[in-house]
């Protein structure tokens, strides 16, 4: 599972790097924001393991907030991307 996680992070970094190089700038900006949200999620992802009680379906609030922020930024990115592919 950890290899999949780091593989996904690497793919995000590669895509954002390409957007930074070739644009469009709006998507590059959203991509950089997604990377930042991913970094924030990475900082708190171990809060699940450090929680006093671990429940599979209830994430600690720090993890939930970081995951929600990343999800919102991904949605924002896809909305912007749709304008470029139509």
PDB file of N, CA and C in Angstrom:
ATOM      1  N   UNK A   1       0.815  -1.180   0.000  1.00  0.00           N
ATOM      2  CA  UNK A   1       0.000   0.000   0.000  1.00  0.00           C
ATOM      3  C   UNK A   1       0.872   1.262   0.000  1.00  0.00           C
ATOM      4  N   UNK A   2       1.935   1.211   0.774  1.00  0.00           N
ATOM      5  CA  UNK A   2       2.807   2.379   0.838  1.00  0.00           C
ATOM      6  C   UNK A   2       3.470   2.661  -0.511  1.00  0.00           C
ATOM      7  N   UNK A   3       3.820   1.601  -1.246  1.00  0.00           N
ATOM      8  CA  UNK A   3       4.397   1.799  -2.579  1.00  0.00           C
ATOM      9  C   UNK A   3       3.403   2.464  -3.520  1.00  0.00           C
ATOM     10  N   UNK A   4       2.150   2.104  -3.416  1.00  0.00           N
ATOM     11  CA  UNK A   4       1.107   2.718  -4.243  1.00  0.00           C
ATOM     12  C   UNK A   4       0.984   4.197  -3.892  1.00  0.00           C
ATOM     13  N   UNK A   5       0.999   4.499  -2.604  1.00  0.00           N
ATOM     14  CA  UNK A   5       0.902   5.893  -2.148  1.00  0.00           C
ATOM     15  C   UNK A   5       2.046   6.729  -2.715  1.00  0.00           C
ATOM     16  N   UNK A   6       3.282   6.245  -2.562  1.00  0.00           N
ATOM     17  CA  UNK A   6       4.427   7.007  -3.048  1.00  0.00           C
ATOM     18  C   UNK A   6       4.469   7.054  -4.578  1.00  0.00           C
ATOM     19  N   UNK A   7       3.975   6.011  -5.223  1.00  0.00           N
ATOM     20  CA  UNK A   7       3.878   6.022  -6.678  1.00  0.00           C
ATOM     21  C   UNK A   7       2.912   7.093  -7.161  1.00  0.00           C
ATOM     22  N   UNK A   8       1.770   7.213  -6.479  1.00  0.00           N
ATOM     23  CA  UNK A   8       0.786   8.243  -6.839  1.00  0.00           C
ATOM     24  C   UNK A   8       1.366   9.636  -6.616  1.00  0.00           C
ATOM     25  N   UNK A   9       2.065   9.822  -5.515  1.00  0.00           N
ATOM     26  CA  UNK A   9       2.691  11.128  -5.248  1.00  0.00           C
ATOM     27  C   UNK A   9       3.708  11.470  -6.329  1.00  0.00           C
ATOM     28  N   UNK A  10       4.453  10.495  -6.766  1.00  0.00           N
ATOM     29  CA  UNK A  10       5.433  10.712  -7.820  1.00  0.00           C
ATOM     30  C   UNK A  10       4.740  11.112  -9.134  1.00  0.00           C
ATOM     31  N   UNK A  11       3.638  10.461  -9.450  1.00  0.00           N
ATOM     32  CA  UNK A  11       2.898  10.805 -10.669  1.00  0.00           C
ATOM     33  C   UNK A  11       2.350  12.233 -10.595  1.00  0.00           C
ATOM     34  N   UNK A  12       1.859  12.624  -9.434  1.00  0.00           N
ATOM     35  CA  UNK A  12       1.384  14.003  -9.264  1.00  0.00           C
ATOM     36  C   UNK A  12       2.529  14.970  -9.525  1.00  0.00           C
ATOM     37  N   UNK A  13       3.677  14.687  -8.952  1.00  0.00           N
ATOM     38  CA  UNK A  13       4.839  15.564  -9.124  1.00  0.00           C
ATOM     39  C   UNK A  13       5.229  15.671 -10.601  1.00  0.00           C
ATOM     40  N   UNK A  14       5.202  14.561 -11.317  1.00  0.00           N
ATOM     41  CA  UNK A  14       5.564  14.571 -12.731  1.00  0.00           C
ATOM     42  C   UNK A  14       4.571  15.389 -13.564  1.00  0.00           C
ATOM     43  N   UNK A  15       3.296  15.185 -13.321  1.00  0.00           N
ATOM     44  CA  UNK A  15       2.270  15.924 -14.075  1.00  0.00           C
ATOM     45  C   UNK A  15       2.374  17.415 -13.790  1.00  0.00           C
ATOM     46  N   UNK A  16       2.547  17.773 -12.544  1.00  0.00           N
ATOM     47  CA  UNK A  16       2.664  19.191 -12.189  1.00  0.00           C
ATOM     48  C   UNK A  16       3.920  19.783 -12.819  1.00  0.00           C
ATOM     49  N   UNK A  17       4.992  19.019 -12.862  1.00  0.00           N
ATOM     50  CA  UNK A  17       6.203  19.492 -13.519  1.00  0.00           C
ATOM     51  C   UNK A  17       5.970  19.777 -14.998  1.00  0.00           C
ATOM     52  N   UNK A  18       5.249  18.906 -15.662  1.00  0.00           N
ATOM     53  CA  UNK A  18       4.929  19.136 -17.074  1.00  0.00           C
ATOM     54  C   UNK A  18       4.034  20.356 -17.253  1.00  0.00           C
ATOM     55  N   UNK A  19       3.066  20.517 -16.361  1.00  0.00           N
ATOM     56  CA  UNK A  19       2.199  21.700 -16.437  1.00  0.00           C
ATOM     57  C   UNK A  19       3.008  22.969 -16.200  1.00  0.00           C
ATOM     58  N   UNK A  20       3.951  22.908 -15.283  1.00  0.00           N
ATOM     59  CA  UNK A  20       4.814  24.071 -15.042  1.00  0.00           C
ATOM     60  C   UNK A  20       5.621  24.423 -16.290  1.00  0.00           C
ATOM     61  N   UNK A  21       6.076  23.409 -16.996  1.00  0.00           N
ATOM     62  CA  UNK A  21       6.886  23.645 -18.194  1.00  0.00           C
ATOM     63  C   UNK A  21       6.064  24.136 -19.386  1.00  0.00           C
ATOM     64  N   UNK A  22       4.908  23.511 -19.592  1.00  0.00           N
ATOM     65  CA  UNK A  22       4.181  23.740 -20.833  1.00  0.00           C
ATOM     66  C   UNK A  22       2.832  24.439 -20.675  1.00  0.00           C
ATOM     67  N   UNK A  23       2.371  24.582 -19.422  1.00  0.00           N
ATOM     68  CA  UNK A  23       1.108  25.269 -19.197  1.00  0.00           C
ATOM     69  C   UNK A  23      -0.082  24.401 -19.536  1.00  0.00           C
ATOM     70  N   UNK A  24      -1.233  24.987 -19.538  1.00  0.00           N
ATOM     71  CA  UNK A  24      -1.517  26.399 -19.291  1.00  0.00           C
ATOM     72  C   UNK A  24      -1.296  26.765 -17.818  1.00  0.00           C
ATOM     73  N   UNK A  25      -1.020  28.015 -17.593  1.00  0.00           N
ATOM     74  CA  UNK A  25      -0.671  28.493 -16.248  1.00  0.00           C
ATOM     75  C   UNK A  25      -1.769  28.211 -15.231  1.00  0.00           C
ATOM     76  N   UNK A  26      -3.019  28.342 -15.638  1.00  0.00           N
ATOM     77  CA  UNK A  26      -4.124  28.093 -14.705  1.00  0.00           C
ATOM     78  C   UNK A  26      -4.061  26.663 -14.168  1.00  0.00           C
ATOM     79  N   UNK A  27      -3.804  25.695 -15.043  1.00  0.00           N
ATOM     80  CA  UNK A  27      -3.718  24.306 -14.592  1.00  0.00           C
ATOM     81  C   UNK A  27      -2.453  24.061 -13.780  1.00  0.00           C
ATOM     82  N   UNK A  28      -1.367  24.721 -14.149  1.00  0.00           N
ATOM     83  CA  UNK A  28      -0.133  24.594 -13.370  1.00  0.00           C
ATOM     84  C   UNK A  28      -0.363  25.099 -11.943  1.00  0.00           C
ATOM     85  N   UNK A  29      -1.078  26.206 -11.830  1.00  0.00           N
ATOM     86  CA  UNK A  29      -1.382  26.768 -10.506  1.00  0.00           C
ATOM     87  C   UNK A  29      -2.206  25.782  -9.683  1.00  0.00           C
ATOM     88  N   UNK A  30      -3.218  25.200 -10.293  1.00  0.00           N
ATOM     89  CA  UNK A  30      -4.031  24.205  -9.581  1.00  0.00           C
ATOM     90  C   UNK A  30      -3.202  22.974  -9.232  1.00  0.00           C
ATOM     91  N   UNK A  31      -2.336  22.577 -10.133  1.00  0.00           N
ATOM     92  CA  UNK A  31      -1.481  21.425  -9.863  1.00  0.00           C
ATOM     93  C   UNK A  31      -0.565  21.659  -8.679  1.00  0.00           C
ATOM     94  N   UNK A  32       0.007  22.851  -8.614  1.00  0.00           N
ATOM     95  CA  UNK A  32       0.865  23.178  -7.465  1.00  0.00           C
ATOM     96  C   UNK A  32       0.060  23.172  -6.167  1.00  0.00           C
ATOM     97  N   UNK A  33      -1.170  23.632  -6.238  1.00  0.00           N
ATOM     98  CA  UNK A  33      -2.027  23.619  -5.043  1.00  0.00           C
ATOM     99  C   UNK A  33      -2.339  22.186  -4.613  1.00  0.00           C
ATOM    100  N   UNK A  34      -2.554  21.301  -5.587  1.00  0.00           N
ATOM    101  CA  UNK A  34      -2.804  19.891  -5.252  1.00  0.00           C
ATOM    102  C   UNK A  34      -1.576  19.302  -4.574  1.00  0.00           C
ATOM    103  N   UNK A  35      -0.394  19.605  -5.085  1.00  0.00           N
ATOM    104  CA  UNK A  35       0.827  19.107  -4.439  1.00  0.00           C
ATOM    105  C   UNK A  35       0.938  19.608  -3.008  1.00  0.00           C
ATOM    106  N   UNK A  36       0.578  20.868  -2.790  1.00  0.00           N
ATOM    107  CA  UNK A  36       0.631  21.421  -1.435  1.00  0.00           C
ATOM    108  C   UNK A  36      -0.365  20.701  -0.526  1.00  0.00           C
ATOM    109  N   UNK A  37      -1.574  20.443  -1.034  1.00  0.00           N
ATOM    110  CA  UNK A  37      -2.570  19.719  -0.245  1.00  0.00           C
ATOM    111  C   UNK A  37      -2.079  18.298   0.046  1.00  0.00           C
ATOM    112  N   UNK A  38      -1.402  17.686  -0.912  1.00  0.00           N
ATOM    113  CA  UNK A  38      -0.845  16.354  -0.711  1.00  0.00           C
ATOM    114  C   UNK A  38       0.230  16.375   0.374  1.00  0.00           C
ATOM    115  N   UNK A  39       1.051  17.418   0.374  1.00  0.00           N
ATOM    116  CA  UNK A  39       2.069  17.544   1.434  1.00  0.00           C
ATOM    117  C   UNK A  39       1.406  17.658   2.806  1.00  0.00           C
ATOM    118  N   UNK A  40       0.345  18.447   2.876  1.00  0.00           N
ATOM    119  CA  UNK A  40      -0.365  18.599   4.152  1.00  0.00           C
ATOM    120  C   UNK A  40      -0.968  17.272   4.594  1.00  0.00           C
ATOM    121  N   UNK A  41      -1.542  16.539   3.647  1.00  0.00           N
ATOM    122  CA  UNK A  41      -2.092  15.222   3.975  1.00  0.00           C
ATOM    123  C   UNK A  41      -0.979  14.287   4.441  1.00  0.00           C
ATOM    124  N   UNK A  42       0.174  14.368   3.785  1.00  0.00           N
ATOM    125  CA  UNK A  42       1.313  13.539   4.181  1.00  0.00           C
ATOM    126  C   UNK A  42       1.770  13.818   5.602  1.00  0.00           C
ATOM    127  N   UNK A  43       1.654  15.073   6.031  1.00  0.00           N
ATOM    128  CA  UNK A  43       2.075  15.437   7.390  1.00  0.00           C
ATOM    129  C   UNK A  43       1.177  14.818   8.452  1.00  0.00           C
ATOM    130  N   UNK A  44      -0.094  14.649   8.130  1.00  0.00           N
ATOM    131  CA  UNK A  44      -1.041  14.183   9.153  1.00  0.00           C
ATOM    132  C   UNK A  44      -1.489  12.745   8.959  1.00  0.00           C
ATOM    133  N   UNK A  45      -1.030  12.093   7.906  1.00  0.00           N
ATOM    134  CA  UNK A  45      -1.562  10.754   7.622  1.00  0.00           C
ATOM    135  C   UNK A  45      -1.252   9.742   8.722  1.00  0.00           C
ATOM    136  N   UNK A  46      -0.186   9.981   9.473  1.00  0.00           N
ATOM    137  CA  UNK A  46       0.131   9.055  10.550  1.00  0.00           C
ATOM    138  C   UNK A  46      -0.712   9.303  11.797  1.00  0.00           C
ATOM    139  N   UNK A  47      -1.506  10.372  11.799  1.00  0.00           N
ATOM    140  CA  UNK A  47      -2.416  10.599  12.916  1.00  0.00           C
ATOM    141  C   UNK A  47      -3.397   9.440  13.058  1.00  0.00           C
ATOM    142  N   UNK A  48      -3.679   8.751  11.964  1.00  0.00           N
ATOM    143  CA  UNK A  48      -4.565   7.589  12.022  1.00  0.00           C
ATOM    144  C   UNK A  48      -3.943   6.526  12.914  1.00  0.00           C
ATOM    145  N   UNK A  49      -2.667   6.269  12.724  1.00  0.00           N
ATOM    146  CA  UNK A  49      -1.985   5.245  13.507  1.00  0.00           C
ATOM    147  C   UNK A  49      -1.750   5.689  14.948  1.00  0.00           C
ATOM    148  N   UNK A  50      -1.611   7.006  15.141  1.00  0.00           N
ATOM    149  CA  UNK A  50      -1.332   7.524  16.482  1.00  0.00           C
ATOM    150  C   UNK A  50      -2.595   7.770  17.303  1.00  0.00           C
ATOM    151  N   UNK A  51      -3.750   7.619  16.684  1.00  0.00           N
ATOM    152  CA  UNK A  51      -5.009   7.867  17.395  1.00  0.00           C
ATOM    153  C   UNK A  51      -5.136   6.900  18.566  1.00  0.00           C
ATOM    154  N   UNK A  52      -5.773   7.393  19.630  1.00  0.00           N
ATOM    155  CA  UNK A  52      -5.961   6.563  20.825  1.00  0.00           C
ATOM    156  C   UNK A  52      -6.716   5.297  20.464  1.00  0.00           C
ATOM    157  N   UNK A  53      -7.812   5.457  19.748  1.00  0.00           N
ATOM    158  CA  UNK A  53      -8.545   4.298  19.241  1.00  0.00           C
ATOM    159  C   UNK A  53      -8.651   4.454  17.732  1.00  0.00           C
ATOM    160  N   UNK A  54      -8.379   3.385  17.054  1.00  0.00           N
ATOM    161  CA  UNK A  54      -8.443   3.413  15.598  1.00  0.00           C
ATOM    162  C   UNK A  54      -9.737   2.769  15.148  1.00  0.00           C
ATOM    163  N   UNK A  55     -10.498   3.526  14.384  1.00  0.00           N
ATOM    164  CA  UNK A  55     -11.703   2.980  13.779  1.00  0.00           C
ATOM    165  C   UNK A  55     -11.567   3.150  12.285  1.00  0.00           C
ATOM    166  N   UNK A  56     -11.736   2.091  11.582  1.00  0.00           N
ATOM    167  CA  UNK A  56     -11.503   2.068  10.135  1.00  0.00           C
ATOM    168  C   UNK A  56     -12.278   3.151   9.389  1.00  0.00           C
ATOM    169  N   UNK A  57     -13.487   3.447   9.807  1.00  0.00           N
ATOM    170  CA  UNK A  57     -14.341   4.364   9.050  1.00  0.00           C
ATOM    171  C   UNK A  57     -14.410   5.769   9.638  1.00  0.00           C
ATOM    172  N   UNK A  58     -13.673   6.013  10.711  1.00  0.00           N
ATOM    173  CA  UNK A  58     -13.659   7.330  11.325  1.00  0.00           C
ATOM    174  C   UNK A  58     -12.219   7.829  11.377  1.00  0.00           C
ATOM    175  N   UNK A  59     -11.922   8.796  10.537  1.00  0.00           N
ATOM    176  CA  UNK A  59     -10.569   9.351  10.511  1.00  0.00           C
ATOM    177  C   UNK A  59     -10.429  10.448  11.553  1.00  0.00           C
ATOM    178  N   UNK A  60      -9.238  10.626  12.107  1.00  0.00           N
ATOM    179  CA  UNK A  60      -8.998  11.778  12.974  1.00  0.00           C
ATOM    180  C   UNK A  60      -9.305  13.065  12.198  1.00  0.00           C
ATOM    181  N   UNK A  61      -9.736  14.087  12.893  1.00  0.00           N
ATOM    182  CA  UNK A  61     -10.173  15.321  12.218  1.00  0.00           C
ATOM    183  C   UNK A  61      -9.065  15.950  11.381  1.00  0.00           C
ATOM    184  N   UNK A  62      -7.816  15.854  11.835  1.00  0.00           N
ATOM    185  CA  UNK A  62      -6.723  16.444  11.050  1.00  0.00           C
ATOM    186  C   UNK A  62      -6.574  15.753   9.700  1.00  0.00           C
ATOM    187  N   UNK A  63      -6.729  14.446   9.702  1.00  0.00           N
ATOM    188  CA  UNK A  63      -6.619  13.685   8.460  1.00  0.00           C
ATOM    189  C   UNK A  63      -7.816  13.977   7.564  1.00  0.00           C
ATOM    190  N   UNK A  64      -9.010  13.992   8.138  1.00  0.00           N
ATOM    191  CA  UNK A  64     -10.225  14.265   7.370  1.00  0.00           C
ATOM    192  C   UNK A  64     -10.153  15.652   6.738  1.00  0.00           C
ATOM    193  N   UNK A  65      -9.710  16.656   7.492  1.00  0.00           N
ATOM    194  CA  UNK A  65      -9.621  18.018   6.961  1.00  0.00           C
ATOM    195  C   UNK A  65      -8.616  18.092   5.809  1.00  0.00           C
ATOM    196  N   UNK A  66      -7.469  17.451   5.971  1.00  0.00           N
ATOM    197  CA  UNK A  66      -6.459  17.470   4.915  1.00  0.00           C
ATOM    198  C   UNK A  66      -6.952  16.729   3.676  1.00  0.00           C
ATOM    199  N   UNK A  67      -7.614  15.600   3.876  1.00  0.00           N
ATOM    200  CA  UNK A  67      -8.141  14.835   2.746  1.00  0.00           C
ATOM    201  C   UNK A  67      -9.243  15.619   2.031  1.00  0.00           C
ATOM    202  N   UNK A  68     -10.108  16.274   2.791  1.00  0.00           N
ATOM    203  CA  UNK A  68     -11.173  17.084   2.193  1.00  0.00           C
ATOM    204  C   UNK A  68     -10.603  18.260   1.404  1.00  0.00           C
ATOM    205  N   UNK A  69      -9.570  18.910   1.944  1.00  0.00           N
ATOM    206  CA  UNK A  69      -8.948  20.045   1.254  1.00  0.00           C
ATOM    207  C   UNK A  69      -8.325  19.583  -0.056  1.00  0.00           C
ATOM    208  N   UNK A  70      -7.690  18.428  -0.038  1.00  0.00           N
ATOM    209  CA  UNK A  70      -7.086  17.913  -1.262  1.00  0.00           C
ATOM    210  C   UNK A  70      -8.163  17.566  -2.278  1.00  0.00           C
ATOM    211  N   UNK A  71      -9.237  16.967  -1.824  1.00  0.00           N
ATOM    212  CA  UNK A  71     -10.337  16.610  -2.721  1.00  0.00           C
ATOM    213  C   UNK A  71     -10.942  17.848  -3.374  1.00  0.00           C
ATOM    214  N   UNK A  72     -11.133  18.907  -2.604  1.00  0.00           N
ATOM    215  CA  UNK A  72     -11.666  20.153  -3.169  1.00  0.00           C
ATOM    216  C   UNK A  72     -10.730  20.734  -4.222  1.00  0.00           C
ATOM    217  N   UNK A  73      -9.435  20.663  -3.969  1.00  0.00           N
ATOM    218  CA  UNK A  73      -8.481  21.202  -4.938  1.00  0.00           C
ATOM    219  C   UNK A  73      -8.449  20.355  -6.208  1.00  0.00           C
ATOM    220  N   UNK A  74      -8.593  19.057  -6.067  1.00  0.00           N
ATOM    221  CA  UNK A  74      -8.660  18.186  -7.248  1.00  0.00           C
ATOM    222  C   UNK A  74      -9.901  18.521  -8.068  1.00  0.00           C
ATOM    223  N   UNK A  75     -11.029  18.757  -7.405  1.00  0.00           N
ATOM    224  CA  UNK A  75     -12.248  19.145  -8.116  1.00  0.00           C
ATOM    225  C   UNK A  75     -12.057  20.469  -8.844  1.00  0.00           C
ATOM    226  N   UNK A  76     -11.407  21.398  -8.207  1.00  0.00           N
ATOM    227  CA  UNK A  76     -11.137  22.689  -8.825  1.00  0.00           C
ATOM    228  C   UNK A  76     -10.245  22.515 -10.052  1.00  0.00           C
ATOM    229  N   UNK A  77      -9.239  21.665  -9.951  1.00  0.00           N
ATOM    230  CA  UNK A  77      -8.353  21.378 -11.073  1.00  0.00           C
ATOM    231  C   UNK A  77      -9.135  20.784 -12.246  1.00  0.00           C
ATOM    232  N   UNK A  78      -9.986  19.805 -11.957  1.00  0.00           N
ATOM    233  CA  UNK A  78     -10.721  19.148 -13.044  1.00  0.00           C
ATOM    234  C   UNK A  78     -11.707  20.102 -13.705  1.00  0.00           C
ATOM    235  N   UNK A  79     -12.310  20.980 -12.933  1.00  0.00           N
ATOM    236  CA  UNK A  79     -13.206  21.985 -13.526  1.00  0.00           C
ATOM    237  C   UNK A  79     -12.438  22.883 -14.482  1.00  0.00           C
ATOM    238  N   UNK A  80     -11.255  23.305 -14.080  1.00  0.00           N
ATOM    239  CA  UNK A  80     -10.427  24.145 -14.948  1.00  0.00           C
ATOM    240  C   UNK A  80      -9.961  23.357 -16.165  1.00  0.00           C
ATOM    241  N   UNK A  81      -9.592  22.099 -15.964  1.00  0.00           N
ATOM    242  CA  UNK A  81      -9.097  21.273 -17.074  1.00  0.00           C
ATOM    243  C   UNK A  81     -10.166  21.068 -18.130  1.00  0.00           C
ATOM    244  N   UNK A  82     -11.424  20.911 -17.704  1.00  0.00           N
ATOM    245  CA  UNK A  82     -12.511  20.733 -18.675  1.00  0.00           C
ATOM    246  C   UNK A  82     -12.612  21.898 -19.651  1.00  0.00           C
ATOM    247  N   UNK A  83     -12.296  23.078 -19.189  1.00  0.00           N
ATOM    248  CA  UNK A  83     -12.365  24.239 -20.084  1.00  0.00           C
ATOM    249  C   UNK A  83     -11.315  24.161 -21.188  1.00  0.00           C
ATOM    250  N   UNK A  84     -10.253  23.433 -20.967  1.00  0.00           N
ATOM    251  CA  UNK A  84      -9.197  23.314 -21.961  1.00  0.00           C
ATOM    252  C   UNK A  84      -9.384  22.157 -22.922  1.00  0.00           C
ATOM    253  N   UNK A  85     -10.256  21.204 -22.576  1.00  0.00           N
ATOM    254  CA  UNK A  85     -10.417  20.047 -23.458  1.00  0.00           C
ATOM    255  C   UNK A  85     -11.699  20.110 -24.264  1.00  0.00           C
ATOM    256  N   UNK A  86     -12.492  21.116 -24.093  1.00  0.00           N
ATOM    257  CA  UNK A  86     -13.746  21.206 -24.862  1.00  0.00           C
ATOM    258  C   UNK A  86     -13.526  21.952 -26.129  1.00  0.00           C
TER     259      UNK A  86
END
